[in-house]
Amino acid sequence: MPNQTSAPPSPAQLGYRMPAEWEHHQGTWFSWPRSEGISFPGKFEPVPAVYAELIKHLTQVEEVNINIWNEEMAGEVRETLRKLGATAPNIHFHCFPAYEPWCRDHGPIFIVRENQGKHERAVIDWKYNAWGEKYPPYDLDDVVPERVAKLRNLPLFSPGIIMEGGSIEVNGCGTILTTEACLLNKNRNPHLSKTEIEQYLRDYLGVTQVVWLGEGIIGDDTDGHIDDISRFVTANTIVTAVEEDPEDENFGILQENLERLLSLKNLQGDPFRIVPLPMPGLIECEGQRLPASYANFYIANEIVLMPTYRHKNDARARDILQSEFPDRRVIGVDSTDLIWGLGSFHCISQQEPS
């Protein structure tokens, strides 16, 4: 790592932090999926309707920004949204092309600070390599944060290491969750030790406590993103996916992560409150197990968008999340078609804090 005595001050040293997802948003970012893309092989047709439903809900509570390939696509998307009833003046299109739609991972990570009485924002531009070079090309996806920072006229910090937004989960006041399976995978930053990766998280996201969980769920091609497993719902409450069937492949993986969380203490030395969230069981398509999880919800202003999978646990999961978000309405939206792309609502969205 560079010599800290000669390096410019880090975002943390400048007072920046990554806010929790429930802190107030200016809006939500998406990268619209392309029929020519590889994310939904043979099953693209129903996917735009899922986006339209999410956008219809979001425009009631915040603005929506959509990255599109070109102006021709913008016209097509506007027409798609119009036909599906998702029209609002606070939907904005940007010609920031991306090959694939996973904006959580290639989009901007916003950080904030209070400076001399002013609320200021900046953007972190992690490098992006499509989850370990799995799905090239990705050069256009990688530059999306730069384009958003320029659009917003915000400072841009570039750590120079591979990191995806779905691999990190913060509570906004010093603690971050991640997984060993993803961040320590040699297809990301093989030159960095665990200690060095932790230092990058502290320097660029303003966290103090780094909590490592183990493996991700079966079928997750990201090598174990945290947003399919465990999520903060308050500064001291974590909902965590638990598989109740001992015969299921996810049972042992999620039990081990649960045990780690149960032994965890916050920065004040108190245990976190851990809330189990059921899994939707085995969801398959064409013989492939898909990484379906209720933990892949997205927290917006006044609402929470939770994926459902036409499973008996859908209502139960929604009730659990509703009890954890008493000031927001938890809305279940069918993600059965979207999960064929191996991701759900959190994976396709990226919050822009106010």
Protein backbone atom coordinates (compact mmCIF):
# COMPACT_ATOMS: atom_id res chain seq x y z
CA MET A 1 0.00 0.00 0.00
CA PRO A 2 1.17 3.59 -0.54
CA ASN A 3 3.09 5.37 2.17
CA GLN A 4 0.39 7.00 4.27
CA THR A 5 2.67 9.89 5.24
CA SER A 6 2.97 11.08 1.61
CA ALA A 7 -0.44 10.03 0.28
CA PRO A 8 -3.28 12.54 0.00
CA PRO A 9 -5.86 12.37 2.78
CA SER A 10 -8.33 9.50 2.50
CA PRO A 11 -12.08 10.12 2.36
CA ALA A 12 -12.30 8.98 5.99
CA GLN A 13 -9.64 11.48 7.01
CA LEU A 14 -11.65 14.15 5.22
CA GLY A 15 -14.72 13.21 7.26
CA TYR A 16 -16.61 11.16 4.68
CA ARG A 17 -18.62 8.02 5.43
CA MET A 18 -20.90 5.73 3.46
CA PRO A 19 -24.45 6.30 4.75
CA ALA A 20 -26.82 3.47 5.60
CA GLU A 21 -29.34 2.61 2.91
CA TRP A 22 -32.26 3.82 5.02
CA GLU A 23 -30.86 7.35 5.24
CA HIS A 24 -32.73 9.79 3.01
CA HIS A 25 -32.27 9.33 -0.74
CA GLN A 26 -32.23 11.84 -3.53
CA GLY A 27 -32.95 8.93 -5.82
CA THR A 28 -32.24 5.44 -7.12
CA TRP A 29 -30.01 4.48 -10.06
CA PHE A 30 -30.60 1.63 -12.50
CA SER A 31 -28.80 0.43 -15.62
CA TRP A 32 -31.52 -0.72 -18.00
CA PRO A 33 -31.05 -4.33 -19.21
CA ARG A 34 -30.34 -4.98 -22.88
CA SER A 35 -31.96 -7.74 -24.87
CA GLU A 36 -28.52 -8.24 -26.45
CA GLY A 37 -26.95 -8.75 -23.02
CA ILE A 38 -26.06 -12.07 -21.43
CA SER A 39 -27.85 -11.71 -18.09
CA PHE A 40 -31.21 -13.25 -19.08
CA PRO A 41 -30.47 -15.90 -21.72
CA GLY A 42 -33.63 -16.90 -23.55
CA LYS A 43 -35.88 -15.21 -20.98
CA PHE A 44 -35.45 -11.46 -21.43
CA GLU A 45 -39.02 -10.65 -22.41
CA PRO A 46 -40.61 -10.55 -18.91
CA VAL A 47 -37.73 -8.62 -17.29
CA PRO A 48 -38.64 -5.02 -18.29
CA ALA A 49 -42.02 -5.43 -16.58
CA VAL A 50 -40.26 -6.15 -13.29
CA TYR A 51 -38.22 -2.97 -13.66
CA ALA A 52 -41.36 -1.02 -14.51
CA GLU A 53 -43.13 -2.19 -11.37
CA LEU A 54 -40.17 -1.25 -9.17
CA ILE A 55 -39.87 2.15 -10.85
CA LYS A 56 -43.60 2.79 -10.48
CA HIS A 57 -43.28 2.36 -6.71
CA LEU A 58 -40.04 4.32 -6.43
CA THR A 59 -41.27 7.39 -8.30
CA GLN A 60 -43.84 7.87 -5.56
CA VAL A 61 -41.07 8.47 -3.02
CA GLU A 62 -37.89 9.60 -4.84
CA GLU A 63 -36.43 10.27 -8.28
CA VAL A 64 -35.27 7.48 -10.56
CA ASN A 65 -32.18 7.67 -12.77
CA ILE A 66 -31.78 5.14 -15.59
CA ASN A 67 -28.53 4.50 -17.44
CA ILE A 68 -29.26 3.63 -21.06
CA TRP A 69 -27.16 2.51 -24.02
CA ASN A 70 -28.13 5.38 -26.34
CA GLU A 71 -30.97 7.73 -27.18
CA GLU A 72 -32.71 5.08 -29.23
CA MET A 73 -32.86 2.85 -26.15
CA ALA A 74 -34.14 5.81 -24.10
CA GLY A 75 -37.12 6.10 -26.44
CA GLU A 76 -37.80 2.38 -26.26
CA VAL A 77 -37.60 2.37 -22.45
CA ARG A 78 -39.90 5.39 -22.16
CA GLU A 79 -42.45 3.58 -24.29
CA THR A 80 -42.08 0.38 -22.26
CA LEU A 81 -42.60 2.29 -19.02
CA ARG A 82 -45.58 4.15 -20.47
CA LYS A 83 -47.27 0.91 -21.54
CA LEU A 84 -46.72 -0.57 -18.08
CA GLY A 85 -47.98 2.49 -16.23
CA ALA A 86 -44.63 3.71 -14.92
CA THR A 87 -44.61 7.33 -16.03
CA ALA A 88 -43.52 10.22 -13.83
CA PRO A 89 -41.66 13.53 -14.28
CA ASN A 90 -38.95 12.38 -11.83
CA ILE A 91 -37.60 9.63 -14.14
CA HIS A 92 -34.33 10.75 -15.74
CA PHE A 93 -32.36 9.03 -18.49
CA HIS A 94 -28.58 9.18 -18.91
CA CYS A 95 -26.51 7.89 -21.82
CA PHE A 96 -24.09 6.06 -19.55
CA PRO A 97 -24.02 2.67 -21.30
CA ALA A 98 -23.40 -0.58 -19.44
CA TYR A 99 -23.29 -4.05 -20.94
CA GLU A 100 -25.24 -5.60 -18.08
CA PRO A 101 -27.81 -4.23 -15.61
CA TRP A 102 -26.18 -4.89 -12.22
CA CYS A 103 -25.95 -1.29 -11.06
CA ARG A 104 -25.29 -2.24 -7.44
CA ASP A 105 -21.91 -3.54 -8.50
CA HIS A 106 -20.82 -1.24 -11.33
CA GLY A 107 -22.62 1.91 -10.22
CA PRO A 108 -21.39 4.75 -8.01
CA ILE A 109 -20.97 4.40 -4.27
CA PHE A 110 -21.86 7.73 -2.69
CA ILE A 111 -20.25 8.99 0.50
CA VAL A 112 -21.25 12.01 2.59
CA ARG A 113 -19.84 14.41 5.17
CA GLU A 114 -20.76 17.48 7.18
CA ASN A 115 -18.19 20.20 6.50
CA GLN A 116 -18.37 23.68 8.01
CA GLY A 117 -22.13 23.53 8.23
CA LYS A 118 -22.56 22.11 4.73
CA HIS A 119 -23.73 18.65 3.72
CA GLU A 120 -21.35 17.40 1.03
CA ARG A 121 -21.24 14.31 -1.15
CA ALA A 122 -18.60 12.46 -3.16
CA VAL A 123 -18.36 9.29 -5.24
CA ILE A 124 -16.17 6.23 -4.76
CA ASP A 125 -15.08 4.64 -8.03
CA TRP A 126 -14.01 1.09 -7.23
CA LYS A 127 -12.66 -0.91 -10.13
CA TYR A 128 -15.09 -3.45 -11.57
CA ASN A 129 -14.11 -6.71 -13.32
CA ALA A 130 -17.47 -8.51 -13.67
CA TRP A 131 -17.01 -10.69 -10.58
CA GLY A 132 -13.56 -11.96 -11.34
CA GLU A 133 -13.46 -11.68 -15.15
CA LYS A 134 -16.50 -13.98 -15.48
CA TYR A 135 -18.45 -11.93 -18.03
CA PRO A 136 -16.35 -9.72 -20.32
CA PRO A 137 -16.53 -7.13 -21.72
CA TYR A 138 -17.12 -4.77 -18.81
CA ASP A 139 -15.14 -1.65 -19.69
CA LEU A 140 -18.26 0.49 -20.12
CA ASP A 141 -19.77 -0.71 -16.85
CA ASP A 142 -16.51 0.13 -15.06
CA VAL A 143 -16.66 3.85 -15.99
CA VAL A 144 -20.27 4.50 -14.92
CA PRO A 145 -19.24 5.98 -11.53
CA GLU A 146 -16.94 8.50 -13.24
CA ARG A 147 -19.78 9.63 -15.48
CA VAL A 148 -22.21 9.99 -12.58
CA ALA A 149 -19.67 11.98 -10.53
CA LYS A 150 -19.14 14.33 -13.49
CA LEU A 151 -22.90 14.69 -13.97
CA ARG A 152 -23.36 15.63 -10.32
CA ASN A 153 -20.14 17.69 -10.20
CA LEU A 154 -18.92 15.67 -7.21
CA PRO A 155 -15.41 14.78 -6.05
CA LEU A 156 -14.32 11.33 -7.23
CA PHE A 157 -12.12 9.01 -5.17
CA SER A 158 -10.55 6.03 -6.97
CA PRO A 159 -9.08 3.39 -4.61
CA GLY A 160 -7.69 1.38 -7.51
CA ILE A 161 -8.94 -2.01 -6.27
CA ILE A 162 -11.77 -4.32 -7.31
CA MET A 163 -14.91 -3.96 -5.19
CA GLU A 164 -18.64 -4.38 -5.83
CA GLY A 165 -21.47 -2.65 -4.02
CA GLY A 166 -23.25 -5.94 -3.38
CA SER A 167 -20.26 -7.22 -1.43
CA ILE A 168 -20.52 -4.60 1.32
CA GLU A 169 -23.24 -3.63 3.80
CA VAL A 170 -22.90 -0.68 6.19
CA ASN A 171 -24.91 0.61 9.13
CA GLY A 172 -23.81 4.20 8.55
CA CYS A 173 -22.13 4.54 11.92
CA GLY A 174 -18.94 2.55 11.77
CA THR A 175 -19.66 -1.12 10.99
CA ILE A 176 -19.47 -2.95 7.67
CA LEU A 177 -20.45 -6.53 6.83
CA THR A 178 -18.80 -8.51 4.06
CA THR A 179 -17.81 -12.09 3.21
CA GLU A 180 -14.50 -13.91 3.03
CA ALA A 181 -15.72 -15.87 0.01
CA CYS A 182 -15.98 -12.70 -2.07
CA LEU A 183 -13.47 -10.14 -0.86
CA LEU A 184 -10.69 -12.66 -0.26
CA ASN A 185 -11.25 -14.42 -3.58
CA LYS A 186 -8.08 -14.38 -5.68
CA ASN A 187 -10.08 -13.30 -8.74
CA ARG A 188 -10.51 -9.82 -7.21
CA ASN A 189 -7.39 -8.44 -5.51
CA PRO A 190 -4.85 -11.26 -5.20
CA HIS A 191 -2.09 -8.84 -4.23
CA LEU A 192 -3.92 -7.68 -1.09
CA SER A 193 -4.06 -9.34 2.33
CA LYS A 194 -7.18 -9.40 4.48
CA THR A 195 -5.68 -6.64 6.65
CA GLU A 196 -4.97 -4.47 3.62
CA ILE A 197 -8.51 -4.91 2.29
CA GLU A 198 -9.89 -3.90 5.69
CA GLN A 199 -7.77 -0.75 5.56
CA TYR A 200 -9.22 0.20 2.18
CA LEU A 201 -12.73 -0.20 3.60
CA ARG A 202 -11.83 2.01 6.56
CA ASP A 203 -10.10 4.64 4.42
CA TYR A 204 -12.75 4.96 1.72
CA LEU A 205 -16.03 4.18 3.49
CA GLY A 206 -15.34 5.69 6.90
CA VAL A 207 -15.95 2.48 8.85
CA THR A 208 -14.16 1.26 11.96
CA GLN A 209 -15.43 -2.29 12.45
CA VAL A 210 -15.15 -4.84 9.65
CA VAL A 211 -17.27 -7.97 10.18
CA TRP A 212 -16.46 -11.01 8.05
CA LEU A 213 -19.02 -13.69 7.30
CA GLY A 214 -18.08 -16.87 5.46
CA GLU A 215 -19.65 -18.33 2.31
CA GLY A 216 -22.44 -17.03 0.11
CA ILE A 217 -25.56 -18.92 -0.92
CA ILE A 218 -25.59 -21.65 -3.56
CA GLY A 219 -26.07 -20.37 -7.10
CA ASP A 220 -24.57 -16.94 -6.44
CA ASP A 221 -22.09 -16.25 -9.25
CA THR A 222 -20.65 -13.24 -7.41
CA ASP A 223 -18.69 -15.57 -5.10
CA GLY A 224 -20.79 -14.72 -2.07
CA HIS A 225 -22.24 -11.22 -1.95
CA ILE A 226 -23.40 -10.10 1.47
CA ASP A 227 -26.67 -8.65 0.12
CA ASP A 228 -28.05 -12.16 -0.37
CA ILE A 229 -27.27 -13.09 3.23
CA SER A 230 -27.27 -10.41 5.93
CA ARG A 231 -28.53 -6.82 5.95
CA PHE A 232 -28.65 -4.00 8.46
CA VAL A 233 -32.17 -2.70 9.09
CA THR A 234 -31.11 -0.35 11.91
CA ALA A 235 -27.69 0.57 13.26
CA ASN A 236 -27.87 -2.33 15.71
CA THR A 237 -30.22 -4.81 14.03
CA ILE A 238 -29.23 -7.29 11.33
CA VAL A 239 -31.64 -9.53 9.46
CA THR A 240 -29.93 -12.67 8.25
CA ALA A 241 -31.08 -15.40 5.90
CA VAL A 242 -31.59 -18.79 7.53
CA GLU A 243 -32.47 -22.03 5.76
CA GLU A 244 -34.76 -24.16 7.91
CA ASP A 245 -34.45 -27.41 5.95
CA PRO A 246 -31.37 -29.35 7.18
CA GLU A 247 -31.25 -31.19 3.86
CA ASP A 248 -30.91 -27.99 1.84
CA GLU A 249 -27.43 -27.06 0.56
CA ASN A 250 -27.71 -23.61 2.13
CA PHE A 251 -28.47 -24.90 5.62
CA GLY A 252 -24.90 -25.28 6.90
CA ILE A 253 -23.60 -22.17 5.13
CA LEU A 254 -26.24 -19.93 6.65
CA GLN A 255 -26.02 -21.54 10.10
CA GLU A 256 -22.31 -20.79 10.23
CA ASN A 257 -22.92 -17.16 9.27
CA LEU A 258 -25.68 -16.94 11.89
CA GLU A 259 -23.30 -18.21 14.57
CA ARG A 260 -20.76 -15.55 13.65
CA LEU A 261 -23.40 -12.84 13.91
CA LEU A 262 -24.68 -14.09 17.26
CA SER A 263 -21.19 -13.68 18.75
CA LEU A 264 -20.79 -10.19 17.27
CA LYS A 265 -20.67 -7.01 19.35
CA ASN A 266 -21.04 -3.45 18.13
CA LEU A 267 -18.58 -0.62 18.67
CA GLN A 268 -20.11 0.03 22.09
CA GLY A 269 -19.49 -3.57 23.13
CA ASP A 270 -23.14 -4.62 23.01
CA PRO A 271 -24.52 -7.57 20.97
CA PHE A 272 -26.28 -6.80 17.74
CA ARG A 273 -29.93 -7.80 17.54
CA ILE A 274 -30.08 -10.65 15.02
CA VAL A 275 -33.37 -11.38 13.24
CA PRO A 276 -33.63 -14.63 11.21
CA LEU A 277 -35.20 -14.27 7.77
CA PRO A 278 -36.44 -17.45 6.07
CA MET A 279 -35.27 -18.56 2.65
CA PRO A 280 -37.62 -19.29 -0.27
CA GLY A 281 -36.34 -22.84 -0.59
CA LEU A 282 -35.07 -24.34 -3.81
CA ILE A 283 -35.75 -22.09 -6.81
CA GLU A 284 -34.55 -23.63 -10.08
CA CYS A 285 -34.75 -22.93 -13.79
CA GLU A 286 -33.58 -25.33 -16.48
CA GLY A 287 -31.97 -27.47 -13.78
CA GLN A 288 -29.91 -24.57 -12.38
CA ARG A 289 -30.27 -23.48 -8.77
CA LEU A 290 -30.85 -19.73 -8.57
CA PRO A 291 -29.65 -17.48 -5.71
CA ALA A 292 -33.12 -16.55 -4.50
CA SER A 293 -33.13 -14.74 -1.17
CA TYR A 294 -35.50 -12.36 0.58
CA ALA A 295 -32.42 -10.54 1.93
CA ASN A 296 -31.97 -8.91 -1.49
CA PHE A 297 -34.52 -6.21 -0.64
CA TYR A 298 -34.01 -2.52 -1.42
CA ILE A 299 -34.67 0.24 1.13
CA ALA A 300 -36.04 3.46 -0.40
CA ASN A 301 -37.66 6.56 1.09
CA GLU A 302 -40.86 5.41 2.85
CA ILE A 303 -40.88 1.94 1.23
CA VAL A 304 -38.95 -1.33 1.09
CA LEU A 305 -39.06 -3.39 -2.09
CA MET A 306 -38.80 -7.10 -1.25
CA PRO A 307 -38.42 -9.86 -3.84
CA THR A 308 -40.99 -12.66 -3.78
CA TYR A 309 -40.72 -16.06 -5.44
CA ARG A 310 -44.23 -17.57 -5.49
CA HIS A 311 -43.31 -19.50 -2.35
CA LYS A 312 -45.14 -20.09 0.92
CA ASN A 313 -42.46 -18.11 2.79
CA ASP A 314 -43.12 -14.93 0.79
CA ALA A 315 -45.76 -13.62 3.20
CA ARG A 316 -43.77 -14.65 6.26
CA ALA A 317 -40.65 -12.85 5.06
CA ARG A 318 -42.66 -9.75 4.27
CA ASP A 319 -44.23 -9.74 7.74
CA ILE A 320 -40.79 -10.01 9.35
CA LEU A 321 -39.41 -7.12 7.33
CA GLN A 322 -42.53 -5.04 7.94
CA SER A 323 -42.05 -5.44 11.69
CA GLU A 324 -38.45 -4.23 11.28
CA PHE A 325 -39.47 -1.23 9.16
CA PRO A 326 -42.48 0.19 11.03
CA ASP A 327 -42.13 3.59 9.31
CA ARG A 328 -41.91 2.16 5.79
CA ARG A 329 -44.29 0.09 3.71
CA VAL A 330 -42.79 -3.25 2.68
CA ILE A 331 -43.92 -4.09 -0.85
CA GLY A 332 -43.49 -7.58 -2.25
CA VAL A 333 -42.76 -7.74 -5.98
CA ASP A 334 -42.42 -10.98 -7.93
CA SER A 335 -38.73 -11.59 -8.73
CA THR A 336 -39.11 -15.05 -10.24
CA ASP A 337 -38.25 -13.83 -13.74
CA LEU A 338 -35.49 -11.47 -12.62
CA ILE A 339 -33.67 -14.08 -10.52
CA TRP A 340 -32.89 -16.00 -13.72
CA GLY A 341 -30.19 -13.33 -14.13
CA LEU A 342 -28.76 -14.47 -10.75
CA GLY A 343 -29.67 -11.28 -8.93
CA SER A 344 -32.67 -9.43 -7.57
CA PHE A 345 -33.79 -5.94 -6.51
CA HIS A 346 -30.76 -4.90 -4.47
CA CYS A 347 -28.43 -6.14 -7.20
CA ILE A 348 -29.99 -3.95 -9.91
CA SER A 349 -30.33 -0.75 -7.86
CA GLN A 350 -27.99 1.82 -6.29
CA GLN A 351 -29.11 4.52 -3.89
CA GLU A 352 -28.04 8.14 -4.19
CA PRO A 353 -28.22 9.78 -0.76
CA SER A 354 -29.46 13.33 -0.37
